[in-house]
Amino acid sequence: MQPISGDISAKDIAKRQPAKLAAMEAHYHTENGAPLYIGGIVDNEKQEVNYKIAIPKALSFLAFGDFDAEVKGLNDFPENERPNVAIVHYAFQTMVGLGTMLLFAGVLFFITLSRKKEWFSKPYFWLLFSVMAPMGFIALEAGWIVTEVGRQPWIIHGIMKTKDAVTPVPGIVYSFYMYVLVYSTLTIAVTWLMNRQIKALNASKY
């Protein structure tokens, strides 16, 4: 369901937050039949993306359902209303790349379950899934970076900027320190409990 959800979100972003879409794909110039970039290194000074794979007209189709639809570039927006292109683009590529890898890992598991059960006894098979285990969390965090950095400088798009929404209440920094302390304590406690449980399980085997 994730690709379907992503497609719906992309179409919504294209209409409501076109600057975010342009930053996600690092498109600087407005064009009809805009290509979809896979990978690439952003050169903000030259306003181009190097070493990318470009799929012709794919972005226009994914965003608007029309291969020849116009996709606005970053140059259509004032410089002070553009997000950080490099961060948004790399985070988006990370999110999509890891999501695709996880999709193939899921397919591989079901193929193994139905046709190649002998692979379950191979150490490299489980090594692959051990490596993939944290990738969902990384993809999730990359997605939040796209969401939050991509909407800058707006906290309410077109209405209020982030700098205008910062609270004037003094001492708010102490609540930040409190949350850091609480979550650090929880991290240590959960790590200790999991380590104790693993040791107990290993001891019970012998």
C-alpha atoms as a PDB file:
ATOM      1  CA  MET A   1       0.000   0.000   0.000  1.00  0.00           C
ATOM      2  CA  GLN A   2       2.945   2.338   0.529  1.00  0.00           C
ATOM      3  CA  PRO A   3       3.547   3.145  -3.180  1.00  0.00           C
ATOM      4  CA  ILE A   4      -0.169   3.988  -3.553  1.00  0.00           C
ATOM      5  CA  SER A   5      -0.048   6.262  -0.501  1.00  0.00           C
ATOM      6  CA  GLY A   6       3.125   7.894  -1.818  1.00  0.00           C
ATOM      7  CA  ASP A   7       1.553   8.522  -5.217  1.00  0.00           C
ATOM      8  CA  ILE A   8      -1.485  10.198  -3.640  1.00  0.00           C
ATOM      9  CA  SER A   9       0.781  12.349  -1.449  1.00  0.00           C
ATOM     10  CA  ALA A  10       2.954  13.368  -4.407  1.00  0.00           C
ATOM     11  CA  LYS A  11      -0.072  14.508  -6.408  1.00  0.00           C
ATOM     12  CA  ASP A  12      -1.307  16.516  -3.422  1.00  0.00           C
ATOM     13  CA  ILE A  13       2.107  18.139  -2.925  1.00  0.00           C
ATOM     14  CA  ALA A  14       2.245  19.058  -6.625  1.00  0.00           C
ATOM     15  CA  LYS A  15      -0.933  21.101  -6.180  1.00  0.00           C
ATOM     16  CA  ARG A  16      -0.514  22.491  -2.656  1.00  0.00           C
ATOM     17  CA  GLN A  17       3.268  22.797  -2.234  1.00  0.00           C
ATOM     18  CA  PRO A  18       4.889  23.003  -5.687  1.00  0.00           C
ATOM     19  CA  ALA A  19       8.152  24.404  -4.250  1.00  0.00           C
ATOM     20  CA  LYS A  20       8.532  21.268  -2.098  1.00  0.00           C
ATOM     21  CA  LEU A  21       8.008  19.044  -5.147  1.00  0.00           C
ATOM     22  CA  ALA A  22      10.618  21.028  -7.088  1.00  0.00           C
ATOM     23  CA  ALA A  23      13.080  20.645  -4.204  1.00  0.00           C
ATOM     24  CA  MET A  24      12.374  16.914  -3.852  1.00  0.00           C
ATOM     25  CA  GLU A  25      13.321  16.393  -7.494  1.00  0.00           C
ATOM     26  CA  ALA A  26      15.863  19.280  -7.602  1.00  0.00           C
ATOM     27  CA  HIS A  27      14.096  20.869 -10.571  1.00  0.00           C
ATOM     28  CA  TYR A  28      15.151  24.474 -11.016  1.00  0.00           C
ATOM     29  CA  HIS A  29      13.427  25.276 -14.294  1.00  0.00           C
ATOM     30  CA  THR A  30       9.732  25.081 -15.142  1.00  0.00           C
ATOM     31  CA  GLU A  31       9.048  22.703 -18.009  1.00  0.00           C
ATOM     32  CA  ASN A  32       6.418  20.600 -19.665  1.00  0.00           C
ATOM     33  CA  GLY A  33       7.072  16.884 -19.660  1.00  0.00           C
ATOM     34  CA  ALA A  34       9.482  17.139 -16.713  1.00  0.00           C
ATOM     35  CA  PRO A  35      11.798  14.168 -16.184  1.00  0.00           C
ATOM     36  CA  LEU A  36      12.068  12.190 -12.949  1.00  0.00           C
ATOM     37  CA  TYR A  37      15.561  12.186 -11.430  1.00  0.00           C
ATOM     38  CA  ILE A  38      16.984   9.107  -9.746  1.00  0.00           C
ATOM     39  CA  GLY A  39      20.037   9.860  -7.610  1.00  0.00           C
ATOM     40  CA  GLY A  40      22.323  12.699  -8.576  1.00  0.00           C
ATOM     41  CA  ILE A  41      24.398  15.345  -6.820  1.00  0.00           C
ATOM     42  CA  VAL A  42      22.844  18.797  -6.438  1.00  0.00           C
ATOM     43  CA  ASP A  43      24.868  21.818  -7.587  1.00  0.00           C
ATOM     44  CA  ASN A  44      22.863  24.723  -6.200  1.00  0.00           C
ATOM     45  CA  GLU A  45      25.164  27.388  -7.657  1.00  0.00           C
ATOM     46  CA  LYS A  46      24.849  26.099 -11.209  1.00  0.00           C
ATOM     47  CA  GLN A  47      21.256  25.029 -10.565  1.00  0.00           C
ATOM     48  CA  GLU A  48      21.674  21.539 -11.930  1.00  0.00           C
ATOM     49  CA  VAL A  49      21.888  17.919 -10.816  1.00  0.00           C
ATOM     50  CA  ASN A  50      24.942  15.937 -11.856  1.00  0.00           C
ATOM     51  CA  TYR A  51      25.289  12.162 -12.232  1.00  0.00           C
ATOM     52  CA  LYS A  52      21.545  11.553 -12.102  1.00  0.00           C
ATOM     53  CA  ILE A  53      19.429   9.103 -14.081  1.00  0.00           C
ATOM     54  CA  ALA A  54      16.625  11.013 -15.810  1.00  0.00           C
ATOM     55  CA  ILE A  55      13.411   9.248 -16.824  1.00  0.00           C
ATOM     56  CA  PRO A  56      11.770  11.446 -19.499  1.00  0.00           C
ATOM     57  CA  LYS A  57       8.349  12.950 -18.647  1.00  0.00           C
ATOM     58  CA  ALA A  58       7.951  10.647 -15.629  1.00  0.00           C
ATOM     59  CA  LEU A  59       7.662  13.448 -13.050  1.00  0.00           C
ATOM     60  CA  SER A  60       4.887  15.174 -14.990  1.00  0.00           C
ATOM     61  CA  PHE A  61       2.968  11.904 -15.151  1.00  0.00           C
ATOM     62  CA  LEU A  62       3.488  11.000 -11.490  1.00  0.00           C
ATOM     63  CA  ALA A  63       2.544  14.486 -10.304  1.00  0.00           C
ATOM     64  CA  PHE A  64      -0.390  15.235 -12.605  1.00  0.00           C
ATOM     65  CA  GLY A  65      -1.234  12.042 -14.504  1.00  0.00           C
ATOM     66  CA  ASP A  66      -0.194  13.710 -17.771  1.00  0.00           C
ATOM     67  CA  PHE A  67       3.139  13.114 -19.499  1.00  0.00           C
ATOM     68  CA  ASP A  68       3.145  16.674 -20.889  1.00  0.00           C
ATOM     69  CA  ALA A  69       1.958  18.521 -17.769  1.00  0.00           C
ATOM     70  CA  GLU A  70       3.850  21.586 -16.593  1.00  0.00           C
ATOM     71  CA  VAL A  71       5.951  21.196 -13.447  1.00  0.00           C
ATOM     72  CA  LYS A  72       7.028  24.412 -11.757  1.00  0.00           C
ATOM     73  CA  GLY A  73      10.739  24.832 -11.097  1.00  0.00           C
ATOM     74  CA  LEU A  74      12.380  26.481  -8.101  1.00  0.00           C
ATOM     75  CA  ASN A  75      13.159  29.577 -10.156  1.00  0.00           C
ATOM     76  CA  ASP A  76       9.433  30.364 -10.163  1.00  0.00           C
ATOM     77  CA  PHE A  77       9.650  31.088  -6.442  1.00  0.00           C
ATOM     78  CA  PRO A  78      11.498  33.884  -4.596  1.00  0.00           C
ATOM     79  CA  GLU A  79      14.864  32.793  -3.204  1.00  0.00           C
ATOM     80  CA  ASN A  80      13.724  33.438   0.359  1.00  0.00           C
ATOM     81  CA  GLU A  81      10.781  31.066  -0.135  1.00  0.00           C
ATOM     82  CA  ARG A  82      12.735  28.047  -1.334  1.00  0.00           C
ATOM     83  CA  PRO A  83      13.663  25.104   0.909  1.00  0.00           C
ATOM     84  CA  ASN A  84      17.186  23.705   1.134  1.00  0.00           C
ATOM     85  CA  VAL A  85      17.257  21.791  -2.149  1.00  0.00           C
ATOM     86  CA  ALA A  86      20.164  19.459  -1.399  1.00  0.00           C
ATOM     87  CA  ILE A  87      18.810  18.262   1.961  1.00  0.00           C
ATOM     88  CA  VAL A  88      15.295  17.693   0.615  1.00  0.00           C
ATOM     89  CA  HIS A  89      16.505  15.955  -2.543  1.00  0.00           C
ATOM     90  CA  TYR A  90      18.929  13.616  -0.757  1.00  0.00           C
ATOM     91  CA  ALA A  91      16.375  12.792   1.955  1.00  0.00           C
ATOM     92  CA  PHE A  92      13.732  12.042  -0.675  1.00  0.00           C
ATOM     93  CA  GLN A  93      16.110   9.821  -2.653  1.00  0.00           C
ATOM     94  CA  THR A  94      17.053   8.008   0.568  1.00  0.00           C
ATOM     95  CA  MET A  95      13.410   7.451   1.477  1.00  0.00           C
ATOM     96  CA  VAL A  96      12.435   6.122  -1.951  1.00  0.00           C
ATOM     97  CA  GLY A  97      15.624   4.078  -2.354  1.00  0.00           C
ATOM     98  CA  LEU A  98      15.281   2.338   1.003  1.00  0.00           C
ATOM     99  CA  GLY A  99      11.559   1.823   0.466  1.00  0.00           C
ATOM    100  CA  THR A 100      12.293   0.089  -2.829  1.00  0.00           C
ATOM    101  CA  MET A 101      14.955  -2.097  -1.205  1.00  0.00           C
ATOM    102  CA  LEU A 102      12.515  -3.097   1.533  1.00  0.00           C
ATOM    103  CA  LEU A 103       9.898  -3.942  -1.091  1.00  0.00           C
ATOM    104  CA  PHE A 104      12.311  -6.284  -2.859  1.00  0.00           C
ATOM    105  CA  ALA A 105      13.393  -7.778   0.479  1.00  0.00           C
ATOM    106  CA  GLY A 106       9.749  -8.573   1.226  1.00  0.00           C
ATOM    107  CA  VAL A 107       9.303 -10.181  -2.195  1.00  0.00           C
ATOM    108  CA  LEU A 108      12.513 -12.190  -1.661  1.00  0.00           C
ATOM    109  CA  PHE A 109      11.226 -13.472   1.681  1.00  0.00           C
ATOM    110  CA  PHE A 110       7.938 -14.709   0.208  1.00  0.00           C
ATOM    111  CA  ILE A 111       9.766 -16.355  -2.704  1.00  0.00           C
ATOM    112  CA  THR A 112      11.986 -18.109  -0.170  1.00  0.00           C
ATOM    113  CA  LEU A 113       8.959 -19.125   1.884  1.00  0.00           C
ATOM    114  CA  SER A 114       7.186 -20.704  -1.085  1.00  0.00           C
ATOM    115  CA  ARG A 115       9.962 -21.937  -3.389  1.00  0.00           C
ATOM    116  CA  LYS A 116      13.409 -21.740  -1.807  1.00  0.00           C
ATOM    117  CA  LYS A 117      13.032 -22.832   1.810  1.00  0.00           C
ATOM    118  CA  GLU A 118      16.612 -24.101   1.873  1.00  0.00           C
ATOM    119  CA  TRP A 119      17.737 -20.455   1.845  1.00  0.00           C
ATOM    120  CA  PHE A 120      16.469 -20.169   5.432  1.00  0.00           C
ATOM    121  CA  SER A 121      19.486 -22.190   6.538  1.00  0.00           C
ATOM    122  CA  LYS A 122      21.966 -19.842   4.820  1.00  0.00           C
ATOM    123  CA  PRO A 123      23.723 -17.328   7.101  1.00  0.00           C
ATOM    124  CA  TYR A 124      23.919 -14.700   4.342  1.00  0.00           C
ATOM    125  CA  PHE A 125      20.127 -14.775   3.984  1.00  0.00           C
ATOM    126  CA  TRP A 126      19.637 -13.724   7.604  1.00  0.00           C
ATOM    127  CA  LEU A 127      22.551 -11.307   7.368  1.00  0.00           C
ATOM    128  CA  LEU A 128      20.662  -9.522   4.595  1.00  0.00           C
ATOM    129  CA  PHE A 129      17.571  -9.138   6.760  1.00  0.00           C
ATOM    130  CA  SER A 130      19.659  -8.085   9.759  1.00  0.00           C
ATOM    131  CA  VAL A 131      21.085  -5.276   7.654  1.00  0.00           C
ATOM    132  CA  MET A 132      17.621  -4.350   6.347  1.00  0.00           C
ATOM    133  CA  ALA A 133      16.026  -4.308   9.816  1.00  0.00           C
ATOM    134  CA  PRO A 134      16.770  -0.632  10.655  1.00  0.00           C
ATOM    135  CA  MET A 135      16.189   0.630   7.112  1.00  0.00           C
ATOM    136  CA  GLY A 136      12.481   1.193   7.688  1.00  0.00           C
ATOM    137  CA  PHE A 137      13.290   3.582  10.540  1.00  0.00           C
ATOM    138  CA  ILE A 138      15.871   5.398   8.419  1.00  0.00           C
ATOM    139  CA  ALA A 139      13.391   5.704   5.533  1.00  0.00           C
ATOM    140  CA  LEU A 140      10.770   7.036   7.965  1.00  0.00           C
ATOM    141  CA  GLU A 141      13.137   9.687   9.326  1.00  0.00           C
ATOM    142  CA  ALA A 142      14.196  10.646   5.797  1.00  0.00           C
ATOM    143  CA  GLY A 143      10.526  11.099   4.948  1.00  0.00           C
ATOM    144  CA  TRP A 144      10.058  13.442   7.902  1.00  0.00           C
ATOM    145  CA  ILE A 145      13.071  15.463   6.759  1.00  0.00           C
ATOM    146  CA  VAL A 146      11.405  15.833   3.357  1.00  0.00           C
ATOM    147  CA  THR A 147       8.176  16.927   5.037  1.00  0.00           C
ATOM    148  CA  GLU A 148       9.656  19.404   7.505  1.00  0.00           C
ATOM    149  CA  VAL A 149      12.607  20.841   5.570  1.00  0.00           C
ATOM    150  CA  GLY A 150      10.640  20.803   2.326  1.00  0.00           C
ATOM    151  CA  ARG A 151       7.955  23.137   3.692  1.00  0.00           C
ATOM    152  CA  GLN A 152      10.445  25.789   4.781  1.00  0.00           C
ATOM    153  CA  PRO A 153      10.279  28.719   5.243  1.00  0.00           C
ATOM    154  CA  TRP A 154       6.556  28.149   5.868  1.00  0.00           C
ATOM    155  CA  ILE A 155       4.933  26.626   8.928  1.00  0.00           C
ATOM    156  CA  ILE A 156       1.493  27.298   7.355  1.00  0.00           C
ATOM    157  CA  HIS A 157       2.095  27.383   3.630  1.00  0.00           C
ATOM    158  CA  GLY A 158       1.612  30.839   2.173  1.00  0.00           C
ATOM    159  CA  ILE A 159       0.289  32.241   5.447  1.00  0.00           C
ATOM    160  CA  MET A 160       2.845  32.080   8.277  1.00  0.00           C
ATOM    161  CA  LYS A 161       6.609  31.584   8.185  1.00  0.00           C
ATOM    162  CA  THR A 162       8.452  29.426  10.699  1.00  0.00           C
ATOM    163  CA  LYS A 163      10.390  32.379  12.110  1.00  0.00           C
ATOM    164  CA  ASP A 164       7.091  34.102  12.964  1.00  0.00           C
ATOM    165  CA  ALA A 165       5.769  31.049  14.801  1.00  0.00           C
ATOM    166  CA  VAL A 166       8.640  30.710  17.281  1.00  0.00           C
ATOM    167  CA  THR A 167       7.252  31.027  20.804  1.00  0.00           C
ATOM    168  CA  PRO A 168       8.330  34.097  22.814  1.00  0.00           C
ATOM    169  CA  VAL A 169       7.800  32.226  26.115  1.00  0.00           C
ATOM    170  CA  PRO A 170      11.050  32.329  28.166  1.00  0.00           C
ATOM    171  CA  GLY A 171      12.563  29.136  29.546  1.00  0.00           C
ATOM    172  CA  ILE A 172      11.114  26.870  26.830  1.00  0.00           C
ATOM    173  CA  VAL A 173      14.590  25.380  26.331  1.00  0.00           C
ATOM    174  CA  TYR A 174      14.273  23.585  29.688  1.00  0.00           C
ATOM    175  CA  SER A 175      11.402  21.478  28.380  1.00  0.00           C
ATOM    176  CA  PHE A 176      13.737  20.391  25.568  1.00  0.00           C
ATOM    177  CA  TYR A 177      16.366  19.342  28.110  1.00  0.00           C
ATOM    178  CA  MET A 178      13.685  17.440  30.046  1.00  0.00           C
ATOM    179  CA  TYR A 179      12.622  15.458  26.969  1.00  0.00           C
ATOM    180  CA  VAL A 180      16.247  14.652  26.128  1.00  0.00           C
ATOM    181  CA  LEU A 181      16.776  13.379  29.676  1.00  0.00           C
ATOM    182  CA  VAL A 182      13.567  11.299  29.688  1.00  0.00           C
ATOM    183  CA  TYR A 183      14.230   9.658  26.327  1.00  0.00           C
ATOM    184  CA  SER A 184      17.898   9.062  27.123  1.00  0.00           C
ATOM    185  CA  THR A 185      16.836   7.298  30.325  1.00  0.00           C
ATOM    186  CA  LEU A 186      14.293   5.211  28.403  1.00  0.00           C
ATOM    187  CA  THR A 187      16.930   4.288  25.809  1.00  0.00           C
ATOM    188  CA  ILE A 188      19.334   3.059  28.485  1.00  0.00           C
ATOM    189  CA  ALA A 189      16.569   1.167  30.319  1.00  0.00           C
ATOM    190  CA  VAL A 190      15.227  -0.569  27.188  1.00  0.00           C
ATOM    191  CA  THR A 191      18.747  -1.493  26.029  1.00  0.00           C
ATOM    192  CA  TRP A 192      19.528  -3.000  29.452  1.00  0.00           C
ATOM    193  CA  LEU A 193      16.235  -4.929  29.575  1.00  0.00           C
ATOM    194  CA  MET A 194      16.653  -6.315  26.054  1.00  0.00           C
ATOM    195  CA  ASN A 195      20.240  -7.337  26.787  1.00  0.00           C
ATOM    196  CA  ARG A 196      19.125  -9.111  29.974  1.00  0.00           C
ATOM    197  CA  GLN A 197      16.335 -10.913  28.106  1.00  0.00           C
ATOM    198  CA  ILE A 198      18.681 -12.075  25.342  1.00  0.00           C
ATOM    199  CA  LYS A 199      21.150 -13.418  27.932  1.00  0.00           C
ATOM    200  CA  ALA A 200      18.315 -15.223  29.729  1.00  0.00           C
ATOM    201  CA  LEU A 201      17.120 -16.847  26.500  1.00  0.00           C
ATOM    202  CA  ASN A 202      20.642 -17.945  25.587  1.00  0.00           C
ATOM    203  CA  ALA A 203      21.185 -19.384  29.082  1.00  0.00           C
ATOM    204  CA  SER A 204      17.934 -21.376  28.868  1.00  0.00           C
ATOM    205  CA  LYS A 205      19.162 -23.136  25.717  1.00  0.00           C
ATOM    206  CA  TYR A 206      22.053 -24.683  27.592  1.00  0.00           C
END
